[in-house]
N, C-alpha and C. Protein backbone atom coordinates (compact mmCIF):
# COMPACT_ATOMS: atom_id res chain seq x y z
N MET A 1 4.99 -19.71 0.46
CA MET A 1 4.13 -18.90 -0.39
C MET A 1 4.63 -19.00 -1.83
N ASN A 2 3.69 -19.15 -2.76
CA ASN A 2 4.04 -19.36 -4.15
C ASN A 2 3.67 -18.18 -5.04
N ASN A 3 3.39 -17.02 -4.44
CA ASN A 3 3.02 -15.87 -5.24
C ASN A 3 4.16 -15.48 -6.17
N LYS A 4 3.81 -15.20 -7.42
CA LYS A 4 4.79 -14.72 -8.38
C LYS A 4 5.22 -13.30 -8.01
N ILE A 5 6.50 -13.00 -8.20
CA ILE A 5 7.00 -11.65 -7.96
C ILE A 5 7.11 -10.91 -9.29
N ILE A 6 6.54 -9.72 -9.35
CA ILE A 6 6.56 -8.90 -10.56
C ILE A 6 7.74 -7.94 -10.50
N LYS A 7 8.69 -8.11 -11.40
CA LYS A 7 9.85 -7.22 -11.46
C LYS A 7 9.40 -5.80 -11.80
N GLY A 8 9.99 -4.84 -11.11
CA GLY A 8 9.68 -3.45 -11.37
C GLY A 8 8.42 -2.95 -10.70
N PHE A 9 7.80 -3.81 -9.91
CA PHE A 9 6.58 -3.44 -9.17
C PHE A 9 6.98 -3.06 -7.76
N ILE A 10 6.67 -1.81 -7.37
CA ILE A 10 7.11 -1.26 -6.08
C ILE A 10 5.89 -0.76 -5.33
N VAL A 11 5.68 -1.28 -4.12
CA VAL A 11 4.49 -0.94 -3.34
C VAL A 11 4.87 -0.16 -2.09
N PHE A 12 4.06 0.84 -1.77
CA PHE A 12 4.21 1.64 -0.55
C PHE A 12 3.03 1.34 0.37
N GLU A 13 3.33 0.90 1.58
CA GLU A 13 2.30 0.55 2.56
C GLU A 13 2.51 1.34 3.85
N GLY A 14 1.42 1.49 4.60
CA GLY A 14 1.49 2.17 5.88
C GLY A 14 0.12 2.69 6.27
N ILE A 15 -0.06 2.99 7.53
CA ILE A 15 -1.34 3.52 7.99
C ILE A 15 -1.59 4.88 7.37
N ASP A 16 -2.83 5.31 7.40
CA ASP A 16 -3.17 6.65 6.90
C ASP A 16 -2.29 7.68 7.60
N GLY A 17 -1.78 8.62 6.83
CA GLY A 17 -0.93 9.66 7.39
C GLY A 17 0.53 9.29 7.46
N SER A 18 0.90 8.11 6.96
CA SER A 18 2.30 7.68 7.03
C SER A 18 3.15 8.25 5.90
N GLY A 19 2.50 8.75 4.85
CA GLY A 19 3.25 9.37 3.76
C GLY A 19 3.41 8.51 2.52
N THR A 20 2.55 7.50 2.35
CA THR A 20 2.70 6.62 1.20
C THR A 20 2.57 7.37 -0.13
N THR A 21 1.58 8.24 -0.23
CA THR A 21 1.39 8.98 -1.49
C THR A 21 2.55 9.93 -1.74
N THR A 22 2.97 10.63 -0.70
CA THR A 22 4.09 11.57 -0.83
C THR A 22 5.34 10.86 -1.32
N GLN A 23 5.69 9.75 -0.69
CA GLN A 23 6.93 9.06 -1.05
C GLN A 23 6.83 8.39 -2.42
N MET A 24 5.67 7.89 -2.78
CA MET A 24 5.51 7.34 -4.12
C MET A 24 5.75 8.43 -5.17
N ASN A 25 5.16 9.59 -4.96
CA ASN A 25 5.30 10.68 -5.93
C ASN A 25 6.73 11.19 -5.99
N ARG A 26 7.40 11.22 -4.85
CA ARG A 26 8.79 11.68 -4.86
C ARG A 26 9.69 10.70 -5.60
N LEU A 27 9.45 9.41 -5.41
CA LEU A 27 10.24 8.43 -6.15
C LEU A 27 9.95 8.53 -7.64
N ALA A 28 8.69 8.74 -8.00
CA ALA A 28 8.34 8.87 -9.41
C ALA A 28 9.09 10.04 -10.05
N GLU A 29 9.16 11.16 -9.35
CA GLU A 29 9.89 12.31 -9.89
C GLU A 29 11.37 12.01 -10.04
N ARG A 30 11.93 11.28 -9.08
CA ARG A 30 13.34 10.90 -9.16
C ARG A 30 13.59 10.02 -10.40
N LEU A 31 12.71 9.07 -10.63
CA LEU A 31 12.86 8.17 -11.78
C LEU A 31 12.72 8.94 -13.09
N LYS A 32 11.79 9.87 -13.12
CA LYS A 32 11.61 10.67 -14.34
C LYS A 32 12.87 11.48 -14.65
N ARG A 33 13.51 12.01 -13.61
CA ARG A 33 14.74 12.78 -13.84
C ARG A 33 15.84 11.91 -14.41
N LEU A 34 15.78 10.61 -14.12
CA LEU A 34 16.77 9.65 -14.63
C LEU A 34 16.31 9.00 -15.93
N ASN A 35 15.20 9.49 -16.48
CA ASN A 35 14.64 8.97 -17.73
C ASN A 35 14.27 7.48 -17.61
N ILE A 36 13.83 7.08 -16.43
CA ILE A 36 13.34 5.71 -16.21
C ILE A 36 11.82 5.74 -16.32
N PRO A 37 11.25 4.95 -17.23
CA PRO A 37 9.79 4.95 -17.38
C PRO A 37 9.10 4.54 -16.08
N VAL A 38 8.07 5.29 -15.70
CA VAL A 38 7.41 5.05 -14.41
C VAL A 38 5.92 5.34 -14.52
N ARG A 39 5.14 4.59 -13.77
CA ARG A 39 3.69 4.83 -13.67
C ARG A 39 3.28 4.74 -12.21
N CYS A 40 2.40 5.62 -11.78
CA CYS A 40 1.91 5.62 -10.40
C CYS A 40 0.46 5.16 -10.36
N ASP A 41 0.18 4.18 -9.51
CA ASP A 41 -1.18 3.69 -9.29
C ASP A 41 -1.52 3.80 -7.80
N ALA A 42 -2.77 3.56 -7.48
CA ALA A 42 -3.20 3.56 -6.08
C ALA A 42 -4.39 2.63 -5.94
N GLU A 43 -4.53 2.05 -4.78
CA GLU A 43 -5.72 1.29 -4.43
C GLU A 43 -6.41 1.97 -3.25
N PRO A 44 -7.73 2.14 -3.31
CA PRO A 44 -8.63 1.74 -4.38
C PRO A 44 -8.30 2.45 -5.70
N THR A 45 -8.66 1.80 -6.83
CA THR A 45 -8.39 2.35 -8.14
C THR A 45 -9.55 3.23 -8.58
N GLY A 46 -9.52 3.61 -9.85
CA GLY A 46 -10.61 4.41 -10.40
C GLY A 46 -11.72 3.58 -11.01
N SER A 47 -11.70 2.26 -10.80
CA SER A 47 -12.77 1.41 -11.32
C SER A 47 -14.07 1.68 -10.57
N ALA A 48 -15.17 1.09 -11.05
CA ALA A 48 -16.45 1.26 -10.36
C ALA A 48 -16.36 0.74 -8.93
N ALA A 49 -15.68 -0.41 -8.75
CA ALA A 49 -15.50 -0.96 -7.40
C ALA A 49 -14.66 -0.02 -6.55
N GLY A 50 -13.61 0.54 -7.14
CA GLY A 50 -12.75 1.45 -6.40
C GLY A 50 -13.46 2.73 -6.00
N ARG A 51 -14.28 3.24 -6.90
CA ARG A 51 -15.04 4.47 -6.57
C ARG A 51 -16.03 4.20 -5.44
N ARG A 52 -16.63 3.02 -5.46
CA ARG A 52 -17.56 2.67 -4.38
C ARG A 52 -16.80 2.56 -3.05
N LEU A 53 -15.63 1.99 -3.10
CA LEU A 53 -14.81 1.87 -1.89
C LEU A 53 -14.48 3.24 -1.31
N ARG A 54 -14.13 4.19 -2.16
CA ARG A 54 -13.76 5.52 -1.67
C ARG A 54 -14.95 6.19 -1.00
N THR A 55 -16.15 5.94 -1.51
CA THR A 55 -17.34 6.48 -0.86
C THR A 55 -17.56 5.84 0.50
N LEU A 56 -17.40 4.51 0.56
CA LEU A 56 -17.61 3.79 1.81
C LEU A 56 -16.56 4.15 2.86
N LEU A 57 -15.37 4.52 2.43
CA LEU A 57 -14.34 4.94 3.37
C LEU A 57 -14.71 6.24 4.09
N LYS A 58 -15.65 6.97 3.53
CA LYS A 58 -16.13 8.20 4.15
C LYS A 58 -17.42 7.99 4.95
N THR A 59 -18.22 7.00 4.54
CA THR A 59 -19.58 6.92 5.09
C THR A 59 -19.90 5.61 5.80
N GLY A 60 -19.02 4.60 5.71
CA GLY A 60 -19.33 3.29 6.26
C GLY A 60 -19.18 3.22 7.77
N ASN A 61 -19.48 2.04 8.31
CA ASN A 61 -19.41 1.79 9.76
C ASN A 61 -18.21 0.90 10.05
N ALA A 62 -17.11 1.50 10.47
CA ALA A 62 -15.88 0.74 10.70
C ALA A 62 -16.01 -0.28 11.82
N GLY A 63 -16.99 -0.11 12.69
CA GLY A 63 -17.15 -1.02 13.82
C GLY A 63 -17.99 -2.24 13.51
N ASP A 64 -18.51 -2.35 12.31
CA ASP A 64 -19.36 -3.46 11.93
C ASP A 64 -18.53 -4.53 11.23
N PRO A 65 -18.37 -5.72 11.82
CA PRO A 65 -17.56 -6.77 11.20
C PRO A 65 -18.07 -7.18 9.82
N LEU A 66 -19.39 -7.21 9.62
CA LEU A 66 -19.93 -7.57 8.32
C LEU A 66 -19.58 -6.52 7.27
N PHE A 67 -19.61 -5.26 7.67
CA PHE A 67 -19.20 -4.20 6.76
C PHE A 67 -17.74 -4.37 6.35
N ASN A 68 -16.89 -4.67 7.30
CA ASN A 68 -15.46 -4.82 7.00
C ASN A 68 -15.19 -6.06 6.16
N THR A 69 -15.97 -7.12 6.34
CA THR A 69 -15.84 -8.29 5.49
C THR A 69 -16.21 -7.94 4.05
N ALA A 70 -17.30 -7.19 3.89
CA ALA A 70 -17.72 -6.76 2.56
C ALA A 70 -16.67 -5.85 1.93
N MET A 71 -16.07 -4.98 2.74
CA MET A 71 -15.02 -4.11 2.23
C MET A 71 -13.85 -4.93 1.71
N GLY A 72 -13.47 -5.97 2.45
CA GLY A 72 -12.36 -6.81 2.02
C GLY A 72 -12.64 -7.47 0.69
N ALA A 73 -13.88 -7.95 0.51
CA ALA A 73 -14.25 -8.58 -0.76
C ALA A 73 -14.25 -7.57 -1.90
N LEU A 74 -14.73 -6.36 -1.61
CA LEU A 74 -14.76 -5.32 -2.64
C LEU A 74 -13.35 -4.88 -3.02
N PHE A 75 -12.46 -4.79 -2.03
CA PHE A 75 -11.06 -4.49 -2.33
C PHE A 75 -10.46 -5.55 -3.23
N SER A 76 -10.77 -6.82 -2.98
CA SER A 76 -10.22 -7.91 -3.79
C SER A 76 -10.73 -7.84 -5.23
N LEU A 77 -12.00 -7.48 -5.41
CA LEU A 77 -12.55 -7.31 -6.75
C LEU A 77 -11.84 -6.18 -7.47
N ASP A 78 -11.70 -5.06 -6.80
CA ASP A 78 -11.01 -3.91 -7.39
C ASP A 78 -9.57 -4.28 -7.73
N ARG A 79 -8.95 -5.07 -6.86
CA ARG A 79 -7.54 -5.48 -7.08
C ARG A 79 -7.42 -6.42 -8.26
N ALA A 80 -8.38 -7.31 -8.44
CA ALA A 80 -8.33 -8.23 -9.57
C ALA A 80 -8.35 -7.46 -10.89
N LEU A 81 -9.18 -6.43 -10.96
CA LEU A 81 -9.22 -5.59 -12.16
C LEU A 81 -7.90 -4.85 -12.33
N HIS A 82 -7.35 -4.39 -11.22
CA HIS A 82 -6.10 -3.64 -11.24
C HIS A 82 -4.93 -4.51 -11.70
N VAL A 83 -4.89 -5.75 -11.25
CA VAL A 83 -3.77 -6.64 -11.57
C VAL A 83 -3.92 -7.26 -12.96
N TYR A 84 -5.10 -7.80 -13.23
CA TYR A 84 -5.26 -8.63 -14.43
C TYR A 84 -6.01 -7.93 -15.56
N GLY A 85 -6.54 -6.76 -15.32
CA GLY A 85 -7.30 -6.06 -16.34
C GLY A 85 -6.43 -5.47 -17.43
N GLU A 86 -7.08 -4.91 -18.43
CA GLU A 86 -6.37 -4.27 -19.54
C GLU A 86 -5.49 -3.13 -19.01
N ASN A 87 -4.22 -3.16 -19.40
CA ASN A 87 -3.25 -2.17 -18.93
C ASN A 87 -3.10 -2.19 -17.41
N GLY A 88 -3.28 -3.38 -16.81
CA GLY A 88 -3.13 -3.53 -15.38
C GLY A 88 -1.68 -3.72 -14.98
N ILE A 89 -1.48 -4.13 -13.75
CA ILE A 89 -0.14 -4.27 -13.20
C ILE A 89 0.73 -5.20 -14.04
N ILE A 90 0.20 -6.36 -14.38
CA ILE A 90 1.01 -7.35 -15.09
C ILE A 90 1.41 -6.85 -16.47
N SER A 91 0.48 -6.28 -17.21
CA SER A 91 0.82 -5.82 -18.55
C SER A 91 1.74 -4.61 -18.51
N ALA A 92 1.55 -3.72 -17.54
CA ALA A 92 2.41 -2.53 -17.45
C ALA A 92 3.83 -2.90 -17.07
N ALA A 93 3.97 -3.78 -16.07
CA ALA A 93 5.32 -4.15 -15.62
C ALA A 93 6.06 -4.95 -16.69
N SER A 94 5.34 -5.75 -17.46
CA SER A 94 6.00 -6.54 -18.51
C SER A 94 6.53 -5.67 -19.62
N GLY A 95 6.06 -4.42 -19.70
CA GLY A 95 6.56 -3.49 -20.70
C GLY A 95 7.79 -2.73 -20.27
N GLY A 96 8.33 -3.05 -19.11
CA GLY A 96 9.55 -2.42 -18.65
C GLY A 96 9.35 -1.16 -17.83
N VAL A 97 8.10 -0.82 -17.54
CA VAL A 97 7.80 0.37 -16.74
C VAL A 97 7.96 0.04 -15.26
N LYS A 98 8.56 0.95 -14.50
CA LYS A 98 8.56 0.81 -13.05
C LYS A 98 7.18 1.22 -12.57
N LEU A 99 6.48 0.29 -11.97
CA LEU A 99 5.11 0.53 -11.56
C LEU A 99 5.06 0.74 -10.06
N LEU A 100 4.73 1.96 -9.64
CA LEU A 100 4.65 2.31 -8.22
C LEU A 100 3.18 2.28 -7.80
N CYS A 101 2.93 1.73 -6.62
CA CYS A 101 1.54 1.61 -6.17
C CYS A 101 1.40 2.02 -4.71
N ASP A 102 0.47 2.91 -4.47
CA ASP A 102 0.12 3.36 -3.13
C ASP A 102 -0.93 2.40 -2.57
N ARG A 103 -0.49 1.43 -1.77
CA ARG A 103 -1.29 0.39 -1.13
C ARG A 103 -1.52 -0.80 -2.07
N TYR A 104 -1.62 -1.98 -1.42
CA TYR A 104 -1.88 -3.24 -2.13
C TYR A 104 -2.59 -4.15 -1.14
N PHE A 105 -2.53 -5.46 -1.31
CA PHE A 105 -3.35 -6.31 -0.44
C PHE A 105 -2.87 -6.37 1.00
N PHE A 106 -1.68 -5.90 1.27
CA PHE A 106 -1.20 -5.86 2.66
C PHE A 106 -2.02 -4.87 3.48
N SER A 107 -2.48 -3.81 2.85
CA SER A 107 -3.32 -2.85 3.57
C SER A 107 -4.70 -3.44 3.87
N THR A 108 -5.20 -4.29 2.97
CA THR A 108 -6.46 -4.96 3.25
C THR A 108 -6.32 -5.86 4.47
N ALA A 109 -5.21 -6.58 4.54
CA ALA A 109 -4.96 -7.45 5.69
C ALA A 109 -4.88 -6.64 6.98
N ALA A 110 -4.19 -5.51 6.93
CA ALA A 110 -4.01 -4.69 8.14
C ALA A 110 -5.31 -4.03 8.59
N TYR A 111 -6.06 -3.49 7.64
CA TYR A 111 -7.26 -2.73 8.01
C TYR A 111 -8.47 -3.64 8.25
N GLN A 112 -8.76 -4.54 7.32
CA GLN A 112 -9.90 -5.43 7.53
C GLN A 112 -9.58 -6.50 8.57
N GLY A 113 -8.29 -6.73 8.82
CA GLY A 113 -7.89 -7.69 9.83
C GLY A 113 -8.17 -7.24 11.25
N VAL A 114 -8.41 -5.96 11.45
CA VAL A 114 -8.72 -5.45 12.78
C VAL A 114 -9.98 -6.11 13.34
N SER A 115 -10.95 -6.35 12.47
CA SER A 115 -12.20 -6.96 12.93
C SER A 115 -12.47 -8.30 12.23
N GLY A 116 -11.47 -8.84 11.53
CA GLY A 116 -11.66 -10.09 10.81
C GLY A 116 -10.48 -11.02 10.99
N SER A 117 -10.38 -12.00 10.09
CA SER A 117 -9.34 -13.00 10.15
C SER A 117 -8.25 -12.71 9.12
N ILE A 118 -7.01 -12.51 9.61
CA ILE A 118 -5.89 -12.29 8.70
C ILE A 118 -5.75 -13.47 7.74
N ASP A 119 -5.86 -14.68 8.26
CA ASP A 119 -5.70 -15.86 7.42
C ASP A 119 -6.71 -15.87 6.28
N GLU A 120 -7.96 -15.55 6.58
CA GLU A 120 -8.99 -15.55 5.54
C GLU A 120 -8.74 -14.46 4.51
N ILE A 121 -8.31 -13.30 4.97
CA ILE A 121 -8.04 -12.19 4.06
C ILE A 121 -6.88 -12.54 3.12
N LEU A 122 -5.80 -13.09 3.67
CA LEU A 122 -4.65 -13.45 2.84
C LEU A 122 -5.00 -14.59 1.89
N GLU A 123 -5.86 -15.50 2.32
CA GLU A 123 -6.29 -16.58 1.43
C GLU A 123 -7.08 -16.01 0.25
N LEU A 124 -7.90 -15.01 0.52
CA LEU A 124 -8.67 -14.37 -0.53
C LEU A 124 -7.77 -13.66 -1.54
N ASN A 125 -6.57 -13.28 -1.10
CA ASN A 125 -5.64 -12.53 -1.95
C ASN A 125 -4.44 -13.36 -2.40
N GLU A 126 -4.46 -14.67 -2.17
CA GLU A 126 -3.27 -15.48 -2.40
C GLU A 126 -2.89 -15.63 -3.87
N THR A 127 -3.81 -15.37 -4.79
CA THR A 127 -3.48 -15.51 -6.20
C THR A 127 -2.82 -14.26 -6.78
N PHE A 128 -2.79 -13.18 -6.02
CA PHE A 128 -2.21 -11.95 -6.56
C PHE A 128 -0.69 -11.99 -6.49
N PRO A 129 -0.01 -11.46 -7.51
CA PRO A 129 1.45 -11.43 -7.48
C PRO A 129 1.98 -10.48 -6.42
N LEU A 130 3.24 -10.69 -6.07
CA LEU A 130 3.89 -9.84 -5.08
C LEU A 130 4.73 -8.78 -5.78
N PRO A 131 4.94 -7.65 -5.12
CA PRO A 131 5.87 -6.65 -5.67
C PRO A 131 7.31 -7.09 -5.49
N GLU A 132 8.17 -6.53 -6.31
CA GLU A 132 9.60 -6.78 -6.13
C GLU A 132 10.10 -6.09 -4.87
N TYR A 133 9.61 -4.88 -4.64
CA TYR A 133 9.99 -4.09 -3.45
C TYR A 133 8.73 -3.69 -2.70
N LEU A 134 8.79 -3.78 -1.38
CA LEU A 134 7.71 -3.29 -0.54
C LEU A 134 8.30 -2.39 0.54
N PHE A 135 7.82 -1.16 0.59
CA PHE A 135 8.25 -0.21 1.61
C PHE A 135 7.12 0.00 2.61
N PHE A 136 7.37 -0.39 3.86
CA PHE A 136 6.42 -0.13 4.94
C PHE A 136 6.83 1.16 5.61
N LEU A 137 6.00 2.18 5.46
CA LEU A 137 6.28 3.49 6.03
C LEU A 137 5.64 3.54 7.41
N ASP A 138 6.47 3.51 8.41
CA ASP A 138 6.00 3.37 9.79
C ASP A 138 5.99 4.72 10.50
N VAL A 139 4.90 4.99 11.22
CA VAL A 139 4.78 6.25 11.95
C VAL A 139 3.83 6.01 13.12
N ASP A 140 4.04 6.75 14.20
CA ASP A 140 3.15 6.68 15.35
C ASP A 140 1.77 7.21 14.96
N PRO A 141 0.70 6.51 15.32
CA PRO A 141 -0.64 6.97 14.94
C PRO A 141 -0.98 8.39 15.37
N LYS A 142 -0.46 8.85 16.50
CA LYS A 142 -0.73 10.22 16.92
C LYS A 142 -0.16 11.23 15.93
N GLU A 143 1.06 10.96 15.44
CA GLU A 143 1.65 11.83 14.44
C GLU A 143 0.89 11.72 13.12
N ALA A 144 0.46 10.50 12.78
CA ALA A 144 -0.31 10.30 11.56
C ALA A 144 -1.60 11.12 11.59
N LEU A 145 -2.30 11.10 12.72
CA LEU A 145 -3.55 11.85 12.83
C LEU A 145 -3.31 13.35 12.82
N ARG A 146 -2.20 13.79 13.37
CA ARG A 146 -1.87 15.21 13.31
C ARG A 146 -1.74 15.65 11.85
N ARG A 147 -1.11 14.82 11.03
CA ARG A 147 -0.97 15.13 9.61
C ARG A 147 -2.32 15.10 8.90
N ILE A 148 -3.12 14.09 9.22
CA ILE A 148 -4.44 13.95 8.60
C ILE A 148 -5.31 15.17 8.90
N ASP A 149 -5.28 15.62 10.15
CA ASP A 149 -6.12 16.75 10.55
C ASP A 149 -5.62 18.07 9.95
N GLY A 150 -4.39 18.06 9.44
CA GLY A 150 -3.85 19.26 8.83
C GLY A 150 -4.13 19.38 7.34
N ARG A 151 -4.82 18.40 6.78
CA ARG A 151 -5.14 18.46 5.36
C ARG A 151 -6.65 18.60 5.18
N SER A 152 -7.06 18.95 3.98
CA SER A 152 -8.48 19.14 3.71
C SER A 152 -9.17 17.79 3.52
N GLY A 153 -10.49 17.78 3.67
CA GLY A 153 -11.25 16.57 3.39
C GLY A 153 -11.75 15.83 4.62
N GLY A 154 -11.19 16.13 5.78
CA GLY A 154 -11.64 15.46 7.00
C GLY A 154 -11.16 14.03 7.10
N ARG A 155 -11.52 13.39 8.21
CA ARG A 155 -11.07 12.02 8.45
C ARG A 155 -11.97 10.99 7.75
N GLU A 156 -11.36 9.83 7.43
CA GLU A 156 -12.13 8.70 6.95
C GLU A 156 -12.47 7.81 8.14
N ILE A 157 -13.28 6.77 7.89
CA ILE A 157 -13.86 6.00 8.99
C ILE A 157 -12.83 5.25 9.82
N TYR A 158 -11.68 4.91 9.23
CA TYR A 158 -10.67 4.15 9.98
C TYR A 158 -9.65 5.06 10.67
N GLU A 159 -9.80 6.35 10.53
CA GLU A 159 -8.77 7.27 11.01
C GLU A 159 -9.04 7.72 12.44
N THR A 160 -8.86 6.76 13.36
CA THR A 160 -8.89 7.03 14.80
C THR A 160 -7.61 6.46 15.39
N ALA A 161 -7.21 6.99 16.54
CA ALA A 161 -5.94 6.54 17.15
C ALA A 161 -5.99 5.05 17.47
N ALA A 162 -7.10 4.58 18.03
CA ALA A 162 -7.19 3.17 18.43
C ALA A 162 -7.14 2.25 17.22
N PHE A 163 -7.87 2.60 16.17
CA PHE A 163 -7.88 1.75 14.99
C PHE A 163 -6.52 1.73 14.31
N LEU A 164 -5.91 2.88 14.14
CA LEU A 164 -4.62 2.94 13.46
C LEU A 164 -3.53 2.23 14.25
N GLU A 165 -3.60 2.25 15.56
CA GLU A 165 -2.63 1.52 16.37
C GLU A 165 -2.74 0.02 16.11
N ARG A 166 -3.95 -0.49 16.01
CA ARG A 166 -4.15 -1.91 15.75
C ARG A 166 -3.74 -2.26 14.32
N ALA A 167 -4.07 -1.38 13.38
CA ALA A 167 -3.69 -1.63 11.99
C ALA A 167 -2.17 -1.63 11.83
N ARG A 168 -1.51 -0.74 12.55
CA ARG A 168 -0.04 -0.69 12.50
C ARG A 168 0.56 -2.01 12.98
N ALA A 169 0.04 -2.55 14.06
CA ALA A 169 0.53 -3.82 14.58
C ALA A 169 0.25 -4.96 13.60
N LEU A 170 -0.90 -4.93 12.94
CA LEU A 170 -1.23 -5.97 11.98
C LEU A 170 -0.38 -5.87 10.72
N TYR A 171 -0.02 -4.66 10.33
CA TYR A 171 0.92 -4.51 9.22
C TYR A 171 2.22 -5.27 9.54
N ARG A 172 2.75 -5.04 10.73
CA ARG A 172 4.00 -5.65 11.10
C ARG A 172 3.90 -7.17 11.12
N SER A 173 2.83 -7.70 11.71
CA SER A 173 2.71 -9.16 11.79
C SER A 173 2.44 -9.77 10.42
N THR A 174 1.72 -9.05 9.56
CA THR A 174 1.48 -9.55 8.21
C THR A 174 2.77 -9.61 7.41
N LEU A 175 3.56 -8.58 7.48
CA LEU A 175 4.80 -8.55 6.70
C LEU A 175 5.80 -9.60 7.19
N GLU A 176 5.74 -9.94 8.46
CA GLU A 176 6.62 -11.01 8.97
C GLU A 176 6.35 -12.32 8.25
N ARG A 177 5.14 -12.54 7.83
CA ARG A 177 4.79 -13.77 7.12
C ARG A 177 5.47 -13.85 5.76
N TYR A 178 5.88 -12.70 5.23
CA TYR A 178 6.44 -12.67 3.88
C TYR A 178 7.96 -12.48 3.87
N GLU A 179 8.59 -12.68 5.01
CA GLU A 179 10.04 -12.47 5.09
C GLU A 179 10.82 -13.38 4.15
N ASP A 180 10.30 -14.58 3.89
CA ASP A 180 10.99 -15.53 3.02
C ASP A 180 10.30 -15.68 1.66
N SER A 181 9.52 -14.68 1.28
CA SER A 181 8.74 -14.76 0.05
C SER A 181 9.54 -14.41 -1.20
N GLY A 182 10.69 -13.75 -1.02
CA GLY A 182 11.46 -13.25 -2.15
C GLY A 182 11.27 -11.77 -2.38
N MET A 183 10.25 -11.18 -1.75
CA MET A 183 10.09 -9.72 -1.81
C MET A 183 11.23 -9.04 -1.05
N LYS A 184 11.59 -7.87 -1.51
CA LYS A 184 12.56 -7.05 -0.78
C LYS A 184 11.74 -6.08 0.08
N ILE A 185 11.71 -6.35 1.38
CA ILE A 185 10.86 -5.58 2.29
C ILE A 185 11.72 -4.64 3.13
N PHE A 186 11.33 -3.37 3.15
CA PHE A 186 12.06 -2.37 3.91
C PHE A 186 11.08 -1.57 4.77
N THR A 187 11.52 -1.21 5.97
CA THR A 187 10.72 -0.36 6.85
C THR A 187 11.40 0.99 6.99
N ALA A 188 10.64 2.04 6.79
CA ALA A 188 11.16 3.40 6.91
C ALA A 188 10.40 4.14 8.00
N ASP A 189 11.11 4.78 8.89
CA ASP A 189 10.51 5.58 9.96
C ASP A 189 10.17 6.95 9.39
N THR A 190 8.88 7.19 9.12
CA THR A 190 8.51 8.44 8.48
C THR A 190 8.19 9.55 9.47
N SER A 191 8.57 9.35 10.73
CA SER A 191 8.53 10.48 11.66
C SER A 191 9.72 11.40 11.40
N ARG A 192 10.71 10.90 10.67
CA ARG A 192 11.87 11.72 10.29
C ARG A 192 11.47 12.66 9.15
N PRO A 193 12.31 13.66 8.84
CA PRO A 193 12.00 14.54 7.71
C PRO A 193 11.78 13.74 6.43
N SER A 194 10.81 14.17 5.62
CA SER A 194 10.43 13.39 4.44
C SER A 194 11.58 13.24 3.45
N GLY A 195 12.51 14.20 3.43
CA GLY A 195 13.67 14.08 2.55
C GLY A 195 14.57 12.92 2.93
N GLU A 196 14.67 12.65 4.23
CA GLU A 196 15.47 11.52 4.69
C GLU A 196 14.82 10.20 4.29
N THR A 197 13.51 10.15 4.38
CA THR A 197 12.79 8.94 3.96
C THR A 197 12.96 8.72 2.47
N GLU A 198 12.86 9.80 1.70
CA GLU A 198 13.04 9.71 0.26
C GLU A 198 14.41 9.16 -0.09
N ALA A 199 15.44 9.66 0.57
CA ALA A 199 16.81 9.20 0.31
C ALA A 199 16.98 7.74 0.70
N PHE A 200 16.38 7.34 1.82
CA PHE A 200 16.47 5.95 2.26
C PHE A 200 15.84 5.02 1.23
N ILE A 201 14.67 5.38 0.73
CA ILE A 201 13.99 4.55 -0.26
C ILE A 201 14.85 4.39 -1.51
N ALA A 202 15.41 5.48 -1.99
CA ALA A 202 16.26 5.42 -3.18
C ALA A 202 17.46 4.52 -2.95
N SER A 203 18.01 4.54 -1.73
CA SER A 203 19.20 3.74 -1.44
C SER A 203 18.91 2.24 -1.42
N CYS A 204 17.64 1.87 -1.34
CA CYS A 204 17.25 0.45 -1.26
C CYS A 204 16.98 -0.15 -2.63
N LEU A 205 16.87 0.70 -3.65
CA LEU A 205 16.52 0.23 -4.99
C LEU A 205 17.78 -0.05 -5.78
N ASP A 206 18.04 -1.31 -6.08
CA ASP A 206 19.34 -1.66 -6.63
C ASP A 206 19.52 -1.25 -8.09
N PHE A 207 18.48 -0.68 -8.72
CA PHE A 207 18.64 -0.17 -10.09
C PHE A 207 18.97 1.31 -10.11
N LEU A 208 19.08 1.93 -8.93
CA LEU A 208 19.42 3.35 -8.84
C LEU A 208 20.87 3.55 -8.42
N PRO A 209 21.47 4.65 -8.85
CA PRO A 209 22.88 4.90 -8.48
C PRO A 209 23.11 4.96 -6.98
N GLU A 210 22.11 5.43 -6.22
CA GLU A 210 22.28 5.58 -4.78
C GLU A 210 22.54 4.24 -4.07
N CYS A 211 22.15 3.16 -4.72
CA CYS A 211 22.28 1.83 -4.10
C CYS A 211 23.62 1.18 -4.44
N ARG A 212 24.45 1.83 -5.25
CA ARG A 212 25.69 1.21 -5.72
C ARG A 212 26.89 1.73 -4.96
């Protein structure tokens, strides 16, 4: 794989309910306390494509392969704007900011790969740069759904036990493909207390005191 690695770009991946947003925000607060410049992003983004995606995640048909193919293409469009657009990932990271992101193209592979081709999805995303660090937050889908049902807003279309189990397996197989990519990939068991996960993540970042 020839994807460029963006220094200071840190991605959090995992099935819904795994704690990606929580851990991203906790790391951001830690960096702020250390006076390290930081920015938090998420995919889908706030672009027109991203807003459409968020609507479809509530109203679409997860069982329709054509729908999921279209979702994958829309995610890639939103991602292109996120990476290469004005004040996107590349420009932000080049300014020395630690850029944290809740989901990236690995989630597209895991979710759209349930009813599609992983190879085709990764080919569609092969021009995008890789993060320096990738944290896969792993949790049993039953626990993930318990957390999802405990928050407001209801479930999204992919939030079923069967779908999340398959997406979890696809996350693992997708990340195995990138073991020799140069990314620093870590798996955290987020069934443990969130404070333990937070400490583990900090210990993996070689620019933080916890890693020394």
